[in-house]
Amino acid sequence: MFATSPPLDPVPGDSAVPHSAGLNRPAQAVPALACDSHMHIFDPRFAPSPHWRRTPPHADVAAYRRLQARLGTARAVVVTPSTYGTDNACTLDALDQLGNCARGVAVVGHEVAEHELDRLHARGIRGLRVNFVTPQSWGETTAAMLTTLAGKAARLGWHIQVFVHPEQLVALEPVLAALPVPLVVDHLARIDPAEGTAGAAYAALRRLLERGSTWVKLSGAYMRSAVHGPSYADTLPLGRALVQAVPERLVWGSDWPHTTEAAGTVNDADLMDLLHAWAGSAAALERILVDNPARLYGFEPAA
């Protein structure tokens, strides 16, 4: 485990970050070039999709940069939220602002044309998100849509990222196993910590991981935790099991600005501290925050 060390000093000046509780930094510093591999930008300059009924937060690039300063991260992966449907303009604008230290994951319809995917690739997109959980602009997401999009992503060397309920992961396992591209599973597959490694969803996830082309995002611990912050202690067995099984195919994400949670309830420093507890060693932490994102998203490797 990590050696005990005193907390880092607070961020100088106004360290408050919109949509992130607390003022503290993580208890221990993160490695250079650490990547937040799952976050969203919501900018009022971009209108939400007509299908979206909730008012999106104001969570722009300037606010996110304050979070980066607080956490010590240098790289980011901007994921288009369902709020914007298949309009990736907000994400692309964020990538332009963040520059080469950012990559993107887009949302598109299954009928998307090749020239549109080429345009997205040129702007920094490196994967497609297929969401089975929250409302989508096209209606219900189907396995056929997933397969079609994976075929289109393969030409560009992209991955497919899926957001699923645990029971959906189990039902979709044969389809997911047959995808011709790397598979990234969002938010710990939303596995209930009460079931953890004993449930059917974890068994399906492990089988997918054994194929060698499946990745997991160590993110969204608060979505199913019954303990909640700051410790999210009930997620420790699941997170540690994944680190022990496939440390080379895990990435971490803050999921800022935490739109699934009540305002003011998530402290991103706690989430980084939780990652330290899951990782268990400096070597594993370096893999999860630096080496793995560089491979998955095409960042320059660390020197």
C-alpha atoms as a PDB file:
ATOM      1  CA  MET A   1       0.000   0.000   0.000  1.00  0.00           C
ATOM      2  CA  PHE A   2       1.014   3.635  -0.264  1.00  0.00           C
ATOM      3  CA  ALA A   3       3.082   5.145   2.478  1.00  0.00           C
ATOM      4  CA  THR A   4       1.193   7.512   4.727  1.00  0.00           C
ATOM      5  CA  SER A   5       1.802  11.148   3.864  1.00  0.00           C
ATOM      6  CA  PRO A   6       0.253  14.434   4.956  1.00  0.00           C
ATOM      7  CA  PRO A   7      -2.415  15.985   2.722  1.00  0.00           C
ATOM      8  CA  LEU A   8      -1.222  18.381   0.077  1.00  0.00           C
ATOM      9  CA  ASP A   9      -1.690  22.074   0.691  1.00  0.00           C
ATOM     10  CA  PRO A  10      -4.957  23.581  -0.518  1.00  0.00           C
ATOM     11  CA  VAL A  11      -5.009  25.008  -4.022  1.00  0.00           C
ATOM     12  CA  PRO A  12      -3.903  28.643  -3.780  1.00  0.00           C
ATOM     13  CA  GLY A  13      -6.611  31.263  -4.032  1.00  0.00           C
ATOM     14  CA  ASP A  14     -10.234  30.339  -4.624  1.00  0.00           C
ATOM     15  CA  SER A  15     -10.097  26.539  -4.725  1.00  0.00           C
ATOM     16  CA  ALA A  16     -13.852  26.021  -4.981  1.00  0.00           C
ATOM     17  CA  VAL A  17     -14.793  24.117  -8.126  1.00  0.00           C
ATOM     18  CA  PRO A  18     -18.336  24.207  -9.511  1.00  0.00           C
ATOM     19  CA  HIS A  19     -20.164  20.877  -9.085  1.00  0.00           C
ATOM     20  CA  SER A  20     -17.459  19.521  -6.777  1.00  0.00           C
ATOM     21  CA  ALA A  21     -17.863  19.606  -2.993  1.00  0.00           C
ATOM     22  CA  GLY A  22     -15.016  20.511  -0.656  1.00  0.00           C
ATOM     23  CA  LEU A  23     -11.875  22.566  -1.078  1.00  0.00           C
ATOM     24  CA  ASN A  24      -9.184  19.974  -0.450  1.00  0.00           C
ATOM     25  CA  ARG A  25      -6.774  18.343  -2.828  1.00  0.00           C
ATOM     26  CA  PRO A  26      -6.336  14.547  -2.897  1.00  0.00           C
ATOM     27  CA  ALA A  27      -4.386  13.202   0.056  1.00  0.00           C
ATOM     28  CA  GLN A  28      -1.510  12.214  -2.228  1.00  0.00           C
ATOM     29  CA  ALA A  29      -0.206  13.728  -5.430  1.00  0.00           C
ATOM     30  CA  VAL A  30      -0.997  12.057  -8.736  1.00  0.00           C
ATOM     31  CA  PRO A  31       1.713  11.191 -11.275  1.00  0.00           C
ATOM     32  CA  ALA A  32       2.664  13.579 -14.051  1.00  0.00           C
ATOM     33  CA  LEU A  33       0.392  13.404 -17.110  1.00  0.00           C
ATOM     34  CA  ALA A  34      -2.425  11.833 -15.086  1.00  0.00           C
ATOM     35  CA  CYS A  35      -5.601  11.554 -17.151  1.00  0.00           C
ATOM     36  CA  ASP A  36      -9.236  11.995 -16.166  1.00  0.00           C
ATOM     37  CA  SER A  37     -10.687   9.556 -18.691  1.00  0.00           C
ATOM     38  CA  HIS A  38     -14.378  10.343 -18.225  1.00  0.00           C
ATOM     39  CA  MET A  39     -15.847  13.808 -17.804  1.00  0.00           C
ATOM     40  CA  HIS A  40     -18.445  15.974 -19.519  1.00  0.00           C
ATOM     41  CA  ILE A  41     -18.639  19.582 -20.611  1.00  0.00           C
ATOM     42  CA  PHE A  42     -21.970  21.444 -20.551  1.00  0.00           C
ATOM     43  CA  ASP A  43     -21.788  24.896 -22.077  1.00  0.00           C
ATOM     44  CA  PRO A  44     -24.877  27.150 -22.342  1.00  0.00           C
ATOM     45  CA  ARG A  45     -23.702  28.249 -25.780  1.00  0.00           C
ATOM     46  CA  PHE A  46     -24.879  24.849 -27.023  1.00  0.00           C
ATOM     47  CA  ALA A  47     -28.564  23.931 -26.892  1.00  0.00           C
ATOM     48  CA  PRO A  48     -29.599  20.559 -25.457  1.00  0.00           C
ATOM     49  CA  SER A  49     -31.346  18.009 -27.638  1.00  0.00           C
ATOM     50  CA  PRO A  50     -35.158  18.357 -27.794  1.00  0.00           C
ATOM     51  CA  HIS A  51     -35.492  14.878 -26.249  1.00  0.00           C
ATOM     52  CA  TRP A  52     -33.718  15.969 -23.032  1.00  0.00           C
ATOM     53  CA  ARG A  53     -36.110  17.082 -20.290  1.00  0.00           C
ATOM     54  CA  ARG A  54     -33.694  18.166 -17.546  1.00  0.00           C
ATOM     55  CA  THR A  55     -31.897  21.499 -17.401  1.00  0.00           C
ATOM     56  CA  PRO A  56     -28.186  20.867 -17.978  1.00  0.00           C
ATOM     57  CA  PRO A  57     -25.646  22.301 -15.537  1.00  0.00           C
ATOM     58  CA  HIS A  58     -23.252  25.085 -16.440  1.00  0.00           C
ATOM     59  CA  ALA A  59     -19.992  23.141 -16.461  1.00  0.00           C
ATOM     60  CA  ASP A  60     -17.682  24.698 -19.010  1.00  0.00           C
ATOM     61  CA  VAL A  61     -13.992  24.271 -19.801  1.00  0.00           C
ATOM     62  CA  ALA A  62     -12.932  27.114 -17.517  1.00  0.00           C
ATOM     63  CA  ALA A  63     -14.616  25.424 -14.557  1.00  0.00           C
ATOM     64  CA  TYR A  64     -13.103  22.060 -15.472  1.00  0.00           C
ATOM     65  CA  ARG A  65      -9.618  23.537 -15.592  1.00  0.00           C
ATOM     66  CA  ARG A  66     -10.089  24.528 -11.960  1.00  0.00           C
ATOM     67  CA  LEU A  67     -10.826  20.896 -11.180  1.00  0.00           C
ATOM     68  CA  GLN A  68      -7.677  19.831 -12.996  1.00  0.00           C
ATOM     69  CA  ALA A  69      -5.649  22.286 -10.913  1.00  0.00           C
ATOM     70  CA  ARG A  70      -7.172  20.918  -7.734  1.00  0.00           C
ATOM     71  CA  LEU A  71      -6.701  17.234  -8.580  1.00  0.00           C
ATOM     72  CA  GLY A  72      -3.347  17.552 -10.345  1.00  0.00           C
ATOM     73  CA  THR A  73      -4.511  15.918 -13.579  1.00  0.00           C
ATOM     74  CA  ALA A  74      -3.122  17.064 -16.910  1.00  0.00           C
ATOM     75  CA  ARG A  75      -5.066  15.116 -19.536  1.00  0.00           C
ATOM     76  CA  ALA A  76      -8.791  14.614 -20.068  1.00  0.00           C
ATOM     77  CA  VAL A  77     -11.264  12.614 -22.128  1.00  0.00           C
ATOM     78  CA  VAL A  78     -14.413  14.608 -22.901  1.00  0.00           C
ATOM     79  CA  VAL A  79     -17.455  12.351 -23.325  1.00  0.00           C
ATOM     80  CA  THR A  80     -20.523  13.721 -25.091  1.00  0.00           C
ATOM     81  CA  PRO A  81     -23.433  13.479 -22.629  1.00  0.00           C
ATOM     82  CA  SER A  82     -26.881  12.250 -23.632  1.00  0.00           C
ATOM     83  CA  THR A  83     -28.067  15.819 -23.061  1.00  0.00           C
ATOM     84  CA  TYR A  84     -26.863  16.818 -26.536  1.00  0.00           C
ATOM     85  CA  GLY A  85     -28.196  13.787 -28.396  1.00  0.00           C
ATOM     86  CA  THR A  86     -25.983  13.181 -31.440  1.00  0.00           C
ATOM     87  CA  ASP A  87     -24.743  16.776 -31.594  1.00  0.00           C
ATOM     88  CA  ASN A  88     -21.070  16.679 -30.587  1.00  0.00           C
ATOM     89  CA  ALA A  89     -20.457  20.416 -31.077  1.00  0.00           C
ATOM     90  CA  CYS A  90     -19.981  21.122 -27.364  1.00  0.00           C
ATOM     91  CA  THR A  91     -17.470  18.293 -26.996  1.00  0.00           C
ATOM     92  CA  LEU A  92     -15.556  19.377 -30.099  1.00  0.00           C
ATOM     93  CA  ASP A  93     -15.426  22.961 -28.848  1.00  0.00           C
ATOM     94  CA  ALA A  94     -14.059  21.691 -25.528  1.00  0.00           C
ATOM     95  CA  LEU A  95     -11.388  19.679 -27.345  1.00  0.00           C
ATOM     96  CA  ASP A  96     -10.365  22.786 -29.260  1.00  0.00           C
ATOM     97  CA  GLN A  97      -9.991  24.677 -25.989  1.00  0.00           C
ATOM     98  CA  LEU A  98      -8.138  21.913 -24.149  1.00  0.00           C
ATOM     99  CA  GLY A  99      -5.782  21.167 -27.024  1.00  0.00           C
ATOM    100  CA  ASN A 100      -3.559  18.125 -27.413  1.00  0.00           C
ATOM    101  CA  CYS A 101      -3.957  17.135 -23.777  1.00  0.00           C
ATOM    102  CA  ALA A 102      -7.548  16.049 -24.481  1.00  0.00           C
ATOM    103  CA  ARG A 103      -9.370  13.418 -26.512  1.00  0.00           C
ATOM    104  CA  GLY A 104     -13.079  12.828 -27.014  1.00  0.00           C
ATOM    105  CA  VAL A 105     -15.747  10.126 -27.092  1.00  0.00           C
ATOM    106  CA  ALA A 106     -18.709  10.997 -29.309  1.00  0.00           C
ATOM    107  CA  VAL A 107     -22.352   9.969 -29.588  1.00  0.00           C
ATOM    108  CA  VAL A 108     -23.681   9.336 -33.090  1.00  0.00           C
ATOM    109  CA  GLY A 109     -26.637   7.593 -34.685  1.00  0.00           C
ATOM    110  CA  HIS A 110     -26.119   4.180 -36.254  1.00  0.00           C
ATOM    111  CA  GLU A 111     -26.718   5.694 -39.722  1.00  0.00           C
ATOM    112  CA  VAL A 112     -23.732   8.089 -39.375  1.00  0.00           C
ATOM    113  CA  ALA A 113     -21.753   8.613 -42.584  1.00  0.00           C
ATOM    114  CA  GLU A 114     -18.059   7.860 -42.953  1.00  0.00           C
ATOM    115  CA  HIS A 115     -17.198  11.462 -43.756  1.00  0.00           C
ATOM    116  CA  GLU A 116     -18.736  12.573 -40.443  1.00  0.00           C
ATOM    117  CA  LEU A 117     -16.652  10.045 -38.526  1.00  0.00           C
ATOM    118  CA  ASP A 118     -13.561  11.263 -40.387  1.00  0.00           C
ATOM    119  CA  ARG A 119     -14.406  14.824 -39.357  1.00  0.00           C
ATOM    120  CA  LEU A 120     -14.750  13.765 -35.726  1.00  0.00           C
ATOM    121  CA  HIS A 121     -11.452  11.876 -35.834  1.00  0.00           C
ATOM    122  CA  ALA A 122      -9.641  14.955 -37.127  1.00  0.00           C
ATOM    123  CA  ARG A 123     -10.999  16.918 -34.155  1.00  0.00           C
ATOM    124  CA  GLY A 124      -9.756  14.444 -31.519  1.00  0.00           C
ATOM    125  CA  ILE A 125     -12.554  11.877 -31.149  1.00  0.00           C
ATOM    126  CA  ARG A 126     -11.258   8.368 -30.477  1.00  0.00           C
ATOM    127  CA  GLY A 127     -14.355   6.363 -29.557  1.00  0.00           C
ATOM    128  CA  LEU A 128     -18.140   6.141 -29.637  1.00  0.00           C
ATOM    129  CA  ARG A 129     -20.394   5.877 -26.608  1.00  0.00           C
ATOM    130  CA  VAL A 130     -23.442   3.623 -26.808  1.00  0.00           C
ATOM    131  CA  ASN A 131     -25.830   4.241 -23.913  1.00  0.00           C
ATOM    132  CA  PHE A 132     -28.411   1.677 -22.807  1.00  0.00           C
ATOM    133  CA  VAL A 133     -29.239   3.460 -19.529  1.00  0.00           C
ATOM    134  CA  THR A 134     -30.407   7.043 -20.062  1.00  0.00           C
ATOM    135  CA  PRO A 135     -32.799   8.430 -22.692  1.00  0.00           C
ATOM    136  CA  GLN A 136     -31.323   8.805 -26.171  1.00  0.00           C
ATOM    137  CA  SER A 137     -32.457  11.099 -28.976  1.00  0.00           C
ATOM    138  CA  TRP A 138     -33.268   8.118 -31.222  1.00  0.00           C
ATOM    139  CA  GLY A 139     -35.301   6.278 -28.570  1.00  0.00           C
ATOM    140  CA  GLU A 140     -34.360   2.766 -27.448  1.00  0.00           C
ATOM    141  CA  THR A 141     -30.775   1.630 -28.031  1.00  0.00           C
ATOM    142  CA  THR A 142     -30.587  -1.854 -29.535  1.00  0.00           C
ATOM    143  CA  ALA A 143     -27.894  -4.489 -29.875  1.00  0.00           C
ATOM    144  CA  ALA A 144     -28.095  -4.071 -33.661  1.00  0.00           C
ATOM    145  CA  MET A 145     -27.204  -0.375 -33.329  1.00  0.00           C
ATOM    146  CA  LEU A 146     -24.235  -1.287 -31.163  1.00  0.00           C
ATOM    147  CA  THR A 147     -22.958  -3.813 -33.701  1.00  0.00           C
ATOM    148  CA  THR A 148     -23.404  -1.384 -36.600  1.00  0.00           C
ATOM    149  CA  LEU A 149     -21.522   1.391 -34.824  1.00  0.00           C
ATOM    150  CA  ALA A 150     -18.696  -0.953 -33.846  1.00  0.00           C
ATOM    151  CA  GLY A 151     -18.256  -1.895 -37.491  1.00  0.00           C
ATOM    152  CA  LYS A 152     -17.986   1.761 -38.462  1.00  0.00           C
ATOM    153  CA  ALA A 153     -15.579   2.551 -35.602  1.00  0.00           C
ATOM    154  CA  ALA A 154     -13.221  -0.252 -36.604  1.00  0.00           C
ATOM    155  CA  ARG A 155     -12.052   1.564 -39.752  1.00  0.00           C
ATOM    156  CA  LEU A 156     -10.648   4.391 -37.633  1.00  0.00           C
ATOM    157  CA  GLY A 157      -9.115   2.250 -34.899  1.00  0.00           C
ATOM    158  CA  TRP A 158     -11.641   3.554 -32.354  1.00  0.00           C
ATOM    159  CA  HIS A 159     -13.211   1.789 -29.405  1.00  0.00           C
ATOM    160  CA  ILE A 160     -16.840   1.395 -28.363  1.00  0.00           C
ATOM    161  CA  GLN A 161     -17.785   2.577 -24.883  1.00  0.00           C
ATOM    162  CA  VAL A 162     -20.980   1.174 -23.368  1.00  0.00           C
ATOM    163  CA  PHE A 163     -23.066   2.405 -20.463  1.00  0.00           C
ATOM    164  CA  VAL A 164     -25.207  -0.478 -19.224  1.00  0.00           C
ATOM    165  CA  HIS A 165     -27.079  -1.776 -16.228  1.00  0.00           C
ATOM    166  CA  PRO A 166     -25.540  -4.968 -14.798  1.00  0.00           C
ATOM    167  CA  GLU A 167     -28.371  -7.136 -16.112  1.00  0.00           C
ATOM    168  CA  GLN A 168     -27.910  -5.593 -19.563  1.00  0.00           C
ATOM    169  CA  LEU A 169     -24.219  -6.460 -19.483  1.00  0.00           C
ATOM    170  CA  VAL A 170     -25.133 -10.082 -18.804  1.00  0.00           C
ATOM    171  CA  ALA A 171     -27.737 -10.168 -21.584  1.00  0.00           C
ATOM    172  CA  LEU A 172     -25.452  -8.422 -24.090  1.00  0.00           C
ATOM    173  CA  GLU A 173     -22.341 -10.454 -23.319  1.00  0.00           C
ATOM    174  CA  PRO A 174     -22.412 -12.500 -26.580  1.00  0.00           C
ATOM    175  CA  VAL A 175     -22.825  -9.321 -28.646  1.00  0.00           C
ATOM    176  CA  LEU A 176     -20.107  -7.480 -26.729  1.00  0.00           C
ATOM    177  CA  ALA A 177     -17.719 -10.415 -27.060  1.00  0.00           C
ATOM    178  CA  ALA A 178     -18.141 -10.383 -30.850  1.00  0.00           C
ATOM    179  CA  LEU A 179     -17.419  -6.683 -31.391  1.00  0.00           C
ATOM    180  CA  PRO A 180     -14.550  -6.037 -33.841  1.00  0.00           C
ATOM    181  CA  VAL A 181     -13.139  -3.171 -31.742  1.00  0.00           C
ATOM    182  CA  PRO A 182     -11.914  -2.657 -28.176  1.00  0.00           C
ATOM    183  CA  LEU A 183     -14.778  -2.442 -25.672  1.00  0.00           C
ATOM    184  CA  VAL A 184     -14.775   0.057 -22.787  1.00  0.00           C
ATOM    185  CA  VAL A 185     -17.318  -0.511 -20.004  1.00  0.00           C
ATOM    186  CA  ASP A 186     -18.446   2.620 -18.175  1.00  0.00           C
ATOM    187  CA  HIS A 187     -18.675   3.184 -14.444  1.00  0.00           C
ATOM    188  CA  LEU A 188     -17.696  -0.230 -13.054  1.00  0.00           C
ATOM    189  CA  ALA A 189     -20.588  -1.696 -15.105  1.00  0.00           C
ATOM    190  CA  ARG A 190     -22.860  -0.220 -12.424  1.00  0.00           C
ATOM    191  CA  ILE A 191     -22.274  -3.390 -10.413  1.00  0.00           C
ATOM    192  CA  ASP A 192     -23.959  -3.332  -6.999  1.00  0.00           C
ATOM    193  CA  PRO A 193     -21.207  -3.378  -4.334  1.00  0.00           C
ATOM    194  CA  ALA A 194     -23.455  -5.625  -2.239  1.00  0.00           C
ATOM    195  CA  GLU A 195     -23.014  -8.299  -4.935  1.00  0.00           C
ATOM    196  CA  GLY A 196     -19.527  -7.286  -5.964  1.00  0.00           C
ATOM    197  CA  THR A 197     -17.459 -10.101  -7.399  1.00  0.00           C
ATOM    198  CA  ALA A 198     -20.056 -12.743  -6.479  1.00  0.00           C
ATOM    199  CA  GLY A 199     -22.728 -11.609  -8.941  1.00  0.00           C
ATOM    200  CA  ALA A 200     -23.534 -12.582 -12.527  1.00  0.00           C
ATOM    201  CA  ALA A 201     -22.506  -9.158 -13.862  1.00  0.00           C
ATOM    202  CA  TYR A 202     -18.978  -9.423 -12.499  1.00  0.00           C
ATOM    203  CA  ALA A 203     -18.671 -12.945 -13.893  1.00  0.00           C
ATOM    204  CA  ALA A 204     -19.730 -11.682 -17.339  1.00  0.00           C
ATOM    205  CA  LEU A 205     -17.335  -8.748 -17.063  1.00  0.00           C
ATOM    206  CA  ARG A 206     -14.439 -11.046 -16.177  1.00  0.00           C
ATOM    207  CA  ARG A 207     -15.177 -13.261 -19.174  1.00  0.00           C
ATOM    208  CA  LEU A 208     -15.128 -10.205 -21.420  1.00  0.00           C
ATOM    209  CA  LEU A 209     -11.894  -9.029 -19.815  1.00  0.00           C
ATOM    210  CA  GLU A 210     -10.268 -12.399 -20.449  1.00  0.00           C
ATOM    211  CA  ARG A 211     -10.724 -11.787 -24.206  1.00  0.00           C
ATOM    212  CA  GLY A 212      -7.950  -9.208 -23.940  1.00  0.00           C
ATOM    213  CA  SER A 213      -9.697  -6.286 -25.631  1.00  0.00           C
ATOM    214  CA  THR A 214     -12.116  -5.119 -22.924  1.00  0.00           C
ATOM    215  CA  TRP A 215     -11.408  -2.152 -20.653  1.00  0.00           C
ATOM    216  CA  VAL A 216     -13.197  -0.839 -17.559  1.00  0.00           C
ATOM    217  CA  LYS A 217     -13.586   2.724 -16.355  1.00  0.00           C
ATOM    218  CA  LEU A 218     -12.999   2.992 -12.608  1.00  0.00           C
ATOM    219  CA  SER A 219     -15.566   5.736 -12.243  1.00  0.00           C
ATOM    220  CA  GLY A 220     -19.026   6.474 -10.906  1.00  0.00           C
ATOM    221  CA  ALA A 221     -18.506   4.689  -7.585  1.00  0.00           C
ATOM    222  CA  TYR A 222     -21.259   6.819  -6.071  1.00  0.00           C
ATOM    223  CA  MET A 223     -23.886   5.476  -8.471  1.00  0.00           C
ATOM    224  CA  ARG A 224     -24.386   2.263  -6.506  1.00  0.00           C
ATOM    225  CA  SER A 225     -22.522   2.810  -3.229  1.00  0.00           C
ATOM    226  CA  ALA A 226     -24.650   2.478  -0.086  1.00  0.00           C
ATOM    227  CA  VAL A 227     -21.861   3.965   2.046  1.00  0.00           C
ATOM    228  CA  HIS A 228     -21.300   7.121  -0.053  1.00  0.00           C
ATOM    229  CA  GLY A 229     -18.442   9.578   0.432  1.00  0.00           C
ATOM    230  CA  PRO A 230     -15.894  10.247   1.532  1.00  0.00           C
ATOM    231  CA  SER A 231     -14.840   6.593   1.644  1.00  0.00           C
ATOM    232  CA  TYR A 232     -17.239   4.685  -0.654  1.00  0.00           C
ATOM    233  CA  ALA A 233     -15.840   1.774   1.332  1.00  0.00           C
ATOM    234  CA  ASP A 234     -18.308  -0.789   0.028  1.00  0.00           C
ATOM    235  CA  THR A 235     -16.739  -0.455  -3.453  1.00  0.00           C
ATOM    236  CA  LEU A 236     -13.252  -1.433  -2.271  1.00  0.00           C
ATOM    237  CA  PRO A 237     -13.536  -5.204  -2.927  1.00  0.00           C
ATOM    238  CA  LEU A 238     -14.809  -4.659  -6.478  1.00  0.00           C
ATOM    239  CA  GLY A 239     -12.249  -2.018  -7.380  1.00  0.00           C
ATOM    240  CA  ARG A 240      -9.370  -3.979  -5.914  1.00  0.00           C
ATOM    241  CA  ALA A 241     -10.459  -7.165  -7.684  1.00  0.00           C
ATOM    242  CA  LEU A 242     -10.389  -5.390 -11.036  1.00  0.00           C
ATOM    243  CA  VAL A 243      -6.962  -3.899 -10.346  1.00  0.00           C
ATOM    244  CA  GLN A 244      -5.620  -7.332  -9.440  1.00  0.00           C
ATOM    245  CA  ALA A 245      -7.180  -8.910 -12.540  1.00  0.00           C
ATOM    246  CA  VAL A 246      -6.408  -6.413 -15.337  1.00  0.00           C
ATOM    247  CA  PRO A 247      -4.325  -3.423 -14.194  1.00  0.00           C
ATOM    248  CA  GLU A 248      -3.264  -2.920 -17.824  1.00  0.00           C
ATOM    249  CA  ARG A 249      -6.839  -2.269 -19.037  1.00  0.00           C
ATOM    250  CA  LEU A 250      -8.265   0.108 -16.468  1.00  0.00           C
ATOM    251  CA  VAL A 251      -8.682   3.870 -16.670  1.00  0.00           C
ATOM    252  CA  TRP A 252     -10.076   6.325 -14.119  1.00  0.00           C
ATOM    253  CA  GLY A 253     -12.636   9.071 -14.587  1.00  0.00           C
ATOM    254  CA  SER A 254     -14.103  11.723 -12.314  1.00  0.00           C
ATOM    255  CA  ASP A 255     -17.481  11.794 -14.139  1.00  0.00           C
ATOM    256  CA  TRP A 256     -17.553  15.536 -13.373  1.00  0.00           C
ATOM    257  CA  PRO A 257     -19.961  17.370 -13.116  1.00  0.00           C
ATOM    258  CA  HIS A 258     -21.737  14.366 -11.540  1.00  0.00           C
ATOM    259  CA  THR A 259     -25.135  14.862 -13.110  1.00  0.00           C
ATOM    260  CA  THR A 260     -26.547  11.644 -11.622  1.00  0.00           C
ATOM    261  CA  GLU A 261     -26.055  12.937  -8.063  1.00  0.00           C
ATOM    262  CA  ALA A 262     -27.600  15.664  -5.910  1.00  0.00           C
ATOM    263  CA  ALA A 263     -25.741  18.963  -6.154  1.00  0.00           C
ATOM    264  CA  GLY A 264     -22.927  19.388  -3.662  1.00  0.00           C
ATOM    265  CA  THR A 265     -22.655  15.719  -2.679  1.00  0.00           C
ATOM    266  CA  VAL A 266     -19.534  14.608  -4.572  1.00  0.00           C
ATOM    267  CA  ASN A 267     -16.002  15.652  -3.651  1.00  0.00           C
ATOM    268  CA  ASP A 268     -13.657  14.800  -6.520  1.00  0.00           C
ATOM    269  CA  ALA A 269     -10.690  14.659  -4.162  1.00  0.00           C
ATOM    270  CA  ASP A 270     -12.485  11.800  -2.370  1.00  0.00           C
ATOM    271  CA  LEU A 271     -12.824   9.981  -5.699  1.00  0.00           C
ATOM    272  CA  MET A 272      -9.097  10.302  -6.335  1.00  0.00           C
ATOM    273  CA  ASP A 273      -8.382   9.062  -2.820  1.00  0.00           C
ATOM    274  CA  LEU A 274     -10.659   6.096  -3.550  1.00  0.00           C
ATOM    275  CA  LEU A 275      -8.618   5.315  -6.659  1.00  0.00           C
ATOM    276  CA  HIS A 276      -5.483   5.241  -4.515  1.00  0.00           C
ATOM    277  CA  ALA A 277      -7.225   2.729  -2.231  1.00  0.00           C
ATOM    278  CA  TRP A 278      -8.296   0.590  -5.188  1.00  0.00           C
ATOM    279  CA  ALA A 279      -4.879   0.709  -6.863  1.00  0.00           C
ATOM    280  CA  GLY A 280      -2.862  -0.299  -3.827  1.00  0.00           C
ATOM    281  CA  SER A 281       0.522   0.650  -5.292  1.00  0.00           C
ATOM    282  CA  ALA A 282       2.236   3.507  -7.052  1.00  0.00           C
ATOM    283  CA  ALA A 283       2.938   1.278 -10.046  1.00  0.00           C
ATOM    284  CA  ALA A 284      -0.726   0.378 -10.510  1.00  0.00           C
ATOM    285  CA  LEU A 285      -1.736   4.018 -10.094  1.00  0.00           C
ATOM    286  CA  GLU A 286       0.729   5.095 -12.792  1.00  0.00           C
ATOM    287  CA  ARG A 287      -0.710   2.499 -15.150  1.00  0.00           C
ATOM    288  CA  ILE A 288      -4.313   3.537 -14.553  1.00  0.00           C
ATOM    289  CA  LEU A 289      -3.763   7.291 -14.724  1.00  0.00           C
ATOM    290  CA  VAL A 290      -0.969   7.607 -17.299  1.00  0.00           C
ATOM    291  CA  ASP A 291       0.072   4.543 -19.282  1.00  0.00           C
ATOM    292  CA  ASN A 292      -3.343   3.011 -19.981  1.00  0.00           C
ATOM    293  CA  PRO A 293      -5.036   6.245 -21.135  1.00  0.00           C
ATOM    294  CA  ALA A 294      -2.073   6.954 -23.400  1.00  0.00           C
ATOM    295  CA  ARG A 295      -2.607   3.594 -25.119  1.00  0.00           C
ATOM    296  CA  LEU A 296      -6.380   3.722 -25.290  1.00  0.00           C
ATOM    297  CA  TYR A 297      -6.786   7.337 -26.415  1.00  0.00           C
ATOM    298  CA  GLY A 298      -3.582   7.923 -28.362  1.00  0.00           C
ATOM    299  CA  PHE A 299      -1.776  10.361 -26.079  1.00  0.00           C
ATOM    300  CA  GLU A 300       1.982  10.664 -26.293  1.00  0.00           C
ATOM    301  CA  PRO A 301       3.511   8.109 -23.881  1.00  0.00           C
ATOM    302  CA  ALA A 302       5.206   9.394 -20.764  1.00  0.00           C
ATOM    303  CA  ALA A 303       8.936   9.922 -21.121  1.00  0.00           C
END
